Amino acid sequence: MAGLVLVAFVGWVIAAACAPRVLGAEHFHGKRYVANPTRQRAMDTSRAKSIGRRVIRTVFAVRLGTEIYACSRHLFSESGCDFQFTSKYGNTTCGNFKARAYRSRIAVYYDAYNGGCGDF
């Protein structure tokens, strides 16, 4: 009986320790526009990563050196990346963005979650 009580107590302590992290988790999504001075519509993965990285660093408080990006090309004028970083406040944030090029501007759509990254 004492072992069962101990297991229940340990389970409660673990749940209590994890609860603030889960309860404080937030979901972020939005879009930003960047000028397209070259008017090129081709969006390869290196261009998307460069543009997306600037937007992510502007929107979030990224601790430099903690970023991971995995990018792929979706269409001629659209590429996307999955990302993970640690914020300056110690939170791990994961998400993805896609960069789509138009003649006059580039739209970057992002979606991020700071409640844990799972198997990123």
N, C-alpha and C. Protein backbone atom coordinates (compact mmCIF):
# COMPACT_ATOMS: atom_id res chain seq x y z
N MET A 1 0.82 -1.20 0.00
CA MET A 1 0.00 0.00 0.00
C MET A 1 0.86 1.27 0.00
N ALA A 2 1.94 1.23 0.77
CA ALA A 2 2.83 2.39 0.85
C ALA A 2 3.49 2.65 -0.50
N GLY A 3 3.81 1.56 -1.24
CA GLY A 3 4.41 1.71 -2.57
C GLY A 3 3.45 2.38 -3.53
N LEU A 4 2.17 2.05 -3.45
CA LEU A 4 1.17 2.65 -4.32
C LEU A 4 1.01 4.13 -4.03
N VAL A 5 1.05 4.49 -2.75
CA VAL A 5 0.95 5.89 -2.36
C VAL A 5 2.17 6.66 -2.85
N LEU A 6 3.34 6.05 -2.76
CA LEU A 6 4.57 6.69 -3.22
C LEU A 6 4.53 6.91 -4.73
N VAL A 7 4.06 5.92 -5.49
CA VAL A 7 3.95 6.06 -6.94
C VAL A 7 2.96 7.16 -7.30
N ALA A 8 1.84 7.22 -6.60
CA ALA A 8 0.84 8.25 -6.85
C ALA A 8 1.41 9.64 -6.53
N PHE A 9 2.16 9.73 -5.44
CA PHE A 9 2.76 11.00 -5.06
C PHE A 9 3.79 11.46 -6.10
N VAL A 10 4.64 10.55 -6.55
CA VAL A 10 5.65 10.88 -7.56
C VAL A 10 4.96 11.32 -8.86
N GLY A 11 3.90 10.62 -9.24
CA GLY A 11 3.14 11.01 -10.44
C GLY A 11 2.55 12.40 -10.29
N TRP A 12 2.04 12.71 -9.11
CA TRP A 12 1.48 14.04 -8.87
C TRP A 12 2.55 15.12 -8.94
N VAL A 13 3.73 14.85 -8.39
CA VAL A 13 4.84 15.82 -8.42
C VAL A 13 5.27 16.07 -9.86
N ILE A 14 5.39 15.03 -10.66
CA ILE A 14 5.77 15.19 -12.06
C ILE A 14 4.72 16.00 -12.81
N ALA A 15 3.46 15.69 -12.59
CA ALA A 15 2.38 16.44 -13.26
C ALA A 15 2.38 17.90 -12.83
N ALA A 16 2.64 18.15 -11.56
CA ALA A 16 2.67 19.54 -11.09
C ALA A 16 3.85 20.30 -11.68
N ALA A 17 4.96 19.61 -11.85
CA ALA A 17 6.14 20.27 -12.41
C ALA A 17 5.94 20.60 -13.89
N CYS A 18 5.22 19.74 -14.59
CA CYS A 18 5.01 19.95 -16.02
C CYS A 18 3.84 20.86 -16.33
N ALA A 19 2.91 21.02 -15.40
CA ALA A 19 1.70 21.80 -15.66
C ALA A 19 1.97 23.25 -16.05
N PRO A 20 2.83 23.98 -15.37
CA PRO A 20 3.04 25.37 -15.78
C PRO A 20 3.56 25.49 -17.21
N ARG A 21 4.37 24.55 -17.62
CA ARG A 21 4.90 24.60 -18.97
C ARG A 21 3.81 24.38 -20.00
N VAL A 22 2.93 23.43 -19.74
CA VAL A 22 1.85 23.15 -20.68
C VAL A 22 0.81 24.27 -20.65
N LEU A 23 0.49 24.75 -19.46
CA LEU A 23 -0.51 25.80 -19.36
C LEU A 23 -0.02 27.11 -19.97
N GLY A 24 1.29 27.35 -19.96
CA GLY A 24 1.84 28.58 -20.52
C GLY A 24 2.14 28.48 -22.00
N ALA A 25 1.84 27.34 -22.62
CA ALA A 25 2.15 27.15 -24.04
C ALA A 25 1.27 28.08 -24.89
N GLU A 26 1.89 28.62 -25.92
CA GLU A 26 1.17 29.53 -26.80
C GLU A 26 1.34 29.11 -28.25
N HIS A 27 0.38 29.50 -29.05
CA HIS A 27 0.40 29.24 -30.48
C HIS A 27 0.48 30.59 -31.20
N PHE A 28 1.43 30.72 -32.10
CA PHE A 28 1.63 31.97 -32.83
C PHE A 28 1.46 31.70 -34.31
N HIS A 29 0.72 32.54 -34.98
CA HIS A 29 0.66 32.46 -36.43
C HIS A 29 0.40 33.86 -36.99
N GLY A 30 0.86 34.05 -38.20
CA GLY A 30 0.70 35.35 -38.82
C GLY A 30 1.42 35.41 -40.15
N LYS A 31 1.51 36.60 -40.69
CA LYS A 31 2.23 36.79 -41.94
C LYS A 31 2.90 38.14 -41.94
N ARG A 32 4.00 38.19 -42.63
CA ARG A 32 4.75 39.44 -42.80
C ARG A 32 5.08 39.57 -44.27
N TYR A 33 5.20 40.80 -44.71
CA TYR A 33 5.56 41.06 -46.10
C TYR A 33 6.95 41.69 -46.15
N VAL A 34 7.72 41.25 -47.13
CA VAL A 34 9.07 41.75 -47.35
C VAL A 34 9.12 42.26 -48.79
N ALA A 35 9.82 43.36 -49.01
CA ALA A 35 9.94 43.90 -50.37
C ALA A 35 10.68 42.91 -51.27
N ASN A 36 10.33 42.93 -52.55
CA ASN A 36 10.98 42.09 -53.55
C ASN A 36 11.61 43.01 -54.60
N PRO A 37 12.74 43.63 -54.30
CA PRO A 37 13.33 44.61 -55.22
C PRO A 37 13.79 44.01 -56.54
N THR A 38 14.15 42.71 -56.55
CA THR A 38 14.61 42.09 -57.79
C THR A 38 13.44 41.67 -58.69
N ARG A 39 12.23 41.62 -58.11
CA ARG A 39 11.02 41.22 -58.82
C ARG A 39 11.08 39.79 -59.33
N GLN A 40 11.99 38.98 -58.78
CA GLN A 40 12.08 37.57 -59.17
C GLN A 40 11.02 36.78 -58.43
N ARG A 41 10.34 35.90 -59.16
CA ARG A 41 9.32 35.07 -58.54
C ARG A 41 9.84 33.70 -58.13
N ALA A 42 10.99 33.29 -58.64
CA ALA A 42 11.53 31.99 -58.27
C ALA A 42 11.93 32.00 -56.79
N MET A 43 11.49 30.99 -56.05
CA MET A 43 11.79 30.92 -54.63
C MET A 43 12.41 29.56 -54.33
N ASP A 44 13.74 29.50 -54.36
CA ASP A 44 14.39 28.25 -54.01
C ASP A 44 14.56 28.18 -52.50
N THR A 45 15.04 27.05 -52.00
CA THR A 45 15.08 26.85 -50.55
C THR A 45 16.07 27.78 -49.85
N SER A 46 17.18 28.09 -50.49
CA SER A 46 18.14 28.98 -49.82
C SER A 46 17.60 30.40 -49.69
N ARG A 47 16.89 30.86 -50.70
CA ARG A 47 16.28 32.19 -50.64
C ARG A 47 15.18 32.23 -49.59
N ALA A 48 14.35 31.19 -49.54
CA ALA A 48 13.28 31.12 -48.54
C ALA A 48 13.85 31.09 -47.12
N LYS A 49 14.91 30.31 -46.92
CA LYS A 49 15.51 30.21 -45.60
C LYS A 49 16.07 31.56 -45.15
N SER A 50 16.73 32.25 -46.05
CA SER A 50 17.31 33.56 -45.72
C SER A 50 16.23 34.57 -45.35
N ILE A 51 15.19 34.63 -46.16
CA ILE A 51 14.10 35.58 -45.91
C ILE A 51 13.32 35.19 -44.66
N GLY A 52 13.00 33.91 -44.53
CA GLY A 52 12.25 33.43 -43.36
C GLY A 52 13.01 33.62 -42.07
N ARG A 53 14.31 33.40 -42.10
CA ARG A 53 15.13 33.58 -40.90
C ARG A 53 15.07 35.03 -40.42
N ARG A 54 15.12 35.97 -41.36
CA ARG A 54 15.01 37.39 -40.98
C ARG A 54 13.67 37.69 -40.33
N VAL A 55 12.60 37.13 -40.89
CA VAL A 55 11.26 37.36 -40.34
C VAL A 55 11.14 36.73 -38.96
N ILE A 56 11.58 35.48 -38.80
CA ILE A 56 11.49 34.80 -37.51
C ILE A 56 12.28 35.54 -36.45
N ARG A 57 13.46 36.03 -36.78
CA ARG A 57 14.26 36.78 -35.82
C ARG A 57 13.62 38.12 -35.46
N THR A 58 12.83 38.67 -36.38
CA THR A 58 12.14 39.93 -36.10
C THR A 58 10.92 39.70 -35.20
N VAL A 59 10.19 38.62 -35.46
CA VAL A 59 8.95 38.36 -34.73
C VAL A 59 9.23 37.79 -33.34
N PHE A 60 10.22 36.89 -33.23
CA PHE A 60 10.50 36.20 -31.97
C PHE A 60 11.84 36.63 -31.38
N ALA A 61 12.00 36.44 -30.08
CA ALA A 61 13.26 36.74 -29.39
C ALA A 61 14.14 35.49 -29.47
N VAL A 62 14.85 35.33 -30.56
CA VAL A 62 15.64 34.13 -30.83
C VAL A 62 17.01 34.26 -30.18
N ARG A 63 17.41 33.21 -29.45
CA ARG A 63 18.78 33.15 -28.94
C ARG A 63 19.65 32.66 -30.08
N LEU A 64 20.56 33.50 -30.51
CA LEU A 64 21.38 33.19 -31.67
C LEU A 64 22.19 31.92 -31.43
N GLY A 65 22.33 31.13 -32.48
CA GLY A 65 23.07 29.89 -32.40
C GLY A 65 22.23 28.69 -32.02
N THR A 66 20.94 28.89 -31.77
CA THR A 66 20.07 27.77 -31.37
C THR A 66 19.06 27.41 -32.45
N GLU A 67 19.20 27.98 -33.63
CA GLU A 67 18.21 27.76 -34.68
C GLU A 67 18.53 26.51 -35.51
N ILE A 68 17.48 25.80 -35.90
CA ILE A 68 17.58 24.66 -36.82
C ILE A 68 16.52 24.88 -37.89
N TYR A 69 16.90 24.74 -39.15
CA TYR A 69 15.95 24.89 -40.27
C TYR A 69 16.04 23.66 -41.18
N ALA A 70 14.91 23.20 -41.65
CA ALA A 70 14.84 22.12 -42.64
C ALA A 70 13.87 22.59 -43.72
N CYS A 71 14.36 22.83 -44.93
CA CYS A 71 13.57 23.50 -45.96
C CYS A 71 13.29 22.58 -47.16
N SER A 72 12.19 22.89 -47.85
CA SER A 72 11.85 22.18 -49.07
C SER A 72 11.10 23.13 -50.00
N ARG A 73 11.15 22.81 -51.28
CA ARG A 73 10.47 23.64 -52.28
C ARG A 73 9.10 23.05 -52.57
N HIS A 74 8.08 23.89 -52.54
CA HIS A 74 6.72 23.44 -52.79
C HIS A 74 6.31 23.69 -54.24
N LEU A 75 6.53 24.90 -54.69
CA LEU A 75 6.17 25.32 -56.04
C LEU A 75 7.29 26.19 -56.60
N PHE A 76 7.15 26.62 -57.83
CA PHE A 76 8.15 27.49 -58.44
C PHE A 76 8.37 28.74 -57.60
N SER A 77 7.28 29.34 -57.12
CA SER A 77 7.39 30.61 -56.39
C SER A 77 7.18 30.45 -54.89
N GLU A 78 7.25 29.21 -54.37
CA GLU A 78 6.98 29.00 -52.95
C GLU A 78 7.87 27.91 -52.38
N SER A 79 8.48 28.20 -51.25
CA SER A 79 9.26 27.22 -50.50
C SER A 79 8.90 27.37 -49.03
N GLY A 80 9.15 26.32 -48.27
CA GLY A 80 8.83 26.37 -46.85
C GLY A 80 9.91 25.73 -46.01
N CYS A 81 9.90 26.05 -44.74
CA CYS A 81 10.89 25.52 -43.80
C CYS A 81 10.22 25.17 -42.48
N ASP A 82 10.67 24.08 -41.87
CA ASP A 82 10.36 23.79 -40.48
C ASP A 82 11.51 24.37 -39.66
N PHE A 83 11.20 24.87 -38.48
CA PHE A 83 12.26 25.46 -37.67
C PHE A 83 12.08 25.13 -36.20
N GLN A 84 13.18 25.24 -35.48
CA GLN A 84 13.18 25.11 -34.03
C GLN A 84 14.24 26.07 -33.50
N PHE A 85 13.94 26.73 -32.40
CA PHE A 85 14.92 27.60 -31.76
C PHE A 85 14.60 27.71 -30.28
N THR A 86 15.57 28.20 -29.53
CA THR A 86 15.39 28.51 -28.12
C THR A 86 15.34 30.02 -28.00
N SER A 87 14.34 30.52 -27.29
CA SER A 87 14.21 31.97 -27.14
C SER A 87 15.20 32.48 -26.11
N LYS A 88 15.32 33.78 -26.04
CA LYS A 88 16.20 34.41 -25.05
C LYS A 88 15.72 34.16 -23.63
N TYR A 89 14.46 33.72 -23.49
CA TYR A 89 13.87 33.45 -22.19
C TYR A 89 13.93 31.97 -21.83
N GLY A 90 14.52 31.14 -22.72
CA GLY A 90 14.68 29.72 -22.42
C GLY A 90 13.59 28.81 -22.95
N ASN A 91 12.59 29.34 -23.63
CA ASN A 91 11.52 28.51 -24.18
C ASN A 91 11.94 27.91 -25.52
N THR A 92 11.63 26.65 -25.73
CA THR A 92 11.86 26.02 -27.02
C THR A 92 10.63 26.23 -27.88
N THR A 93 10.83 26.72 -29.09
CA THR A 93 9.73 27.02 -30.01
C THR A 93 9.96 26.27 -31.30
N CYS A 94 8.90 25.66 -31.82
CA CYS A 94 8.95 24.94 -33.09
C CYS A 94 7.84 25.45 -33.98
N GLY A 95 8.03 25.30 -35.27
CA GLY A 95 6.99 25.70 -36.20
C GLY A 95 7.45 25.57 -37.62
N ASN A 96 6.73 26.25 -38.48
CA ASN A 96 7.10 26.25 -39.90
C ASN A 96 6.67 27.57 -40.52
N PHE A 97 7.27 27.85 -41.66
CA PHE A 97 6.88 29.02 -42.43
C PHE A 97 6.97 28.68 -43.90
N LYS A 98 6.23 29.43 -44.68
CA LYS A 98 6.38 29.34 -46.13
C LYS A 98 6.56 30.74 -46.67
N ALA A 99 7.42 30.83 -47.67
CA ALA A 99 7.70 32.11 -48.31
C ALA A 99 7.21 32.02 -49.74
N ARG A 100 6.34 32.92 -50.12
CA ARG A 100 5.79 32.93 -51.47
C ARG A 100 6.13 34.27 -52.13
N ALA A 101 6.72 34.19 -53.30
CA ALA A 101 7.18 35.39 -54.00
C ALA A 101 6.14 35.88 -55.00
N TYR A 102 5.86 37.15 -54.92
CA TYR A 102 5.05 37.85 -55.91
C TYR A 102 5.96 38.89 -56.56
N ARG A 103 5.52 39.53 -57.59
CA ARG A 103 6.38 40.51 -58.28
C ARG A 103 6.80 41.66 -57.38
N SER A 104 5.88 42.18 -56.60
CA SER A 104 6.21 43.38 -55.80
C SER A 104 6.66 43.07 -54.38
N ARG A 105 6.29 41.90 -53.83
CA ARG A 105 6.64 41.60 -52.45
C ARG A 105 6.69 40.09 -52.22
N ILE A 106 7.23 39.72 -51.09
CA ILE A 106 7.31 38.32 -50.68
C ILE A 106 6.50 38.19 -49.40
N ALA A 107 5.58 37.24 -49.39
CA ALA A 107 4.76 36.99 -48.22
C ALA A 107 5.36 35.82 -47.45
N VAL A 108 5.53 35.99 -46.15
CA VAL A 108 6.03 34.92 -45.28
C VAL A 108 4.94 34.61 -44.27
N TYR A 109 4.40 33.39 -44.35
CA TYR A 109 3.36 32.92 -43.46
C TYR A 109 4.01 32.01 -42.42
N TYR A 110 3.84 32.28 -41.13
CA TYR A 110 4.48 31.46 -40.11
C TYR A 110 3.46 30.92 -39.12
N ASP A 111 3.83 29.79 -38.53
CA ASP A 111 2.99 29.11 -37.55
C ASP A 111 3.95 28.48 -36.54
N ALA A 112 3.86 28.85 -35.27
CA ALA A 112 4.81 28.37 -34.27
C ALA A 112 4.09 28.02 -32.97
N TYR A 113 4.72 27.14 -32.18
CA TYR A 113 4.15 26.67 -30.93
C TYR A 113 5.28 26.48 -29.94
N ASN A 114 5.15 27.01 -28.74
CA ASN A 114 6.22 26.89 -27.76
C ASN A 114 5.90 25.91 -26.64
N GLY A 115 5.03 24.97 -26.89
CA GLY A 115 4.67 23.98 -25.87
C GLY A 115 5.44 22.69 -25.95
N GLY A 116 6.56 22.67 -26.65
CA GLY A 116 7.33 21.43 -26.82
C GLY A 116 7.35 21.06 -28.29
N CYS A 117 8.40 20.37 -28.67
CA CYS A 117 8.59 20.09 -30.08
C CYS A 117 8.39 18.63 -30.47
N GLY A 118 8.22 17.77 -29.54
CA GLY A 118 8.03 16.36 -29.88
C GLY A 118 9.25 15.78 -30.54
N ASP A 119 9.09 15.25 -31.75
CA ASP A 119 10.18 14.58 -32.47
C ASP A 119 10.82 15.44 -33.52
N PHE A 120 10.89 16.73 -33.32
CA PHE A 120 11.46 17.59 -34.36
C PHE A 120 12.83 17.09 -34.73
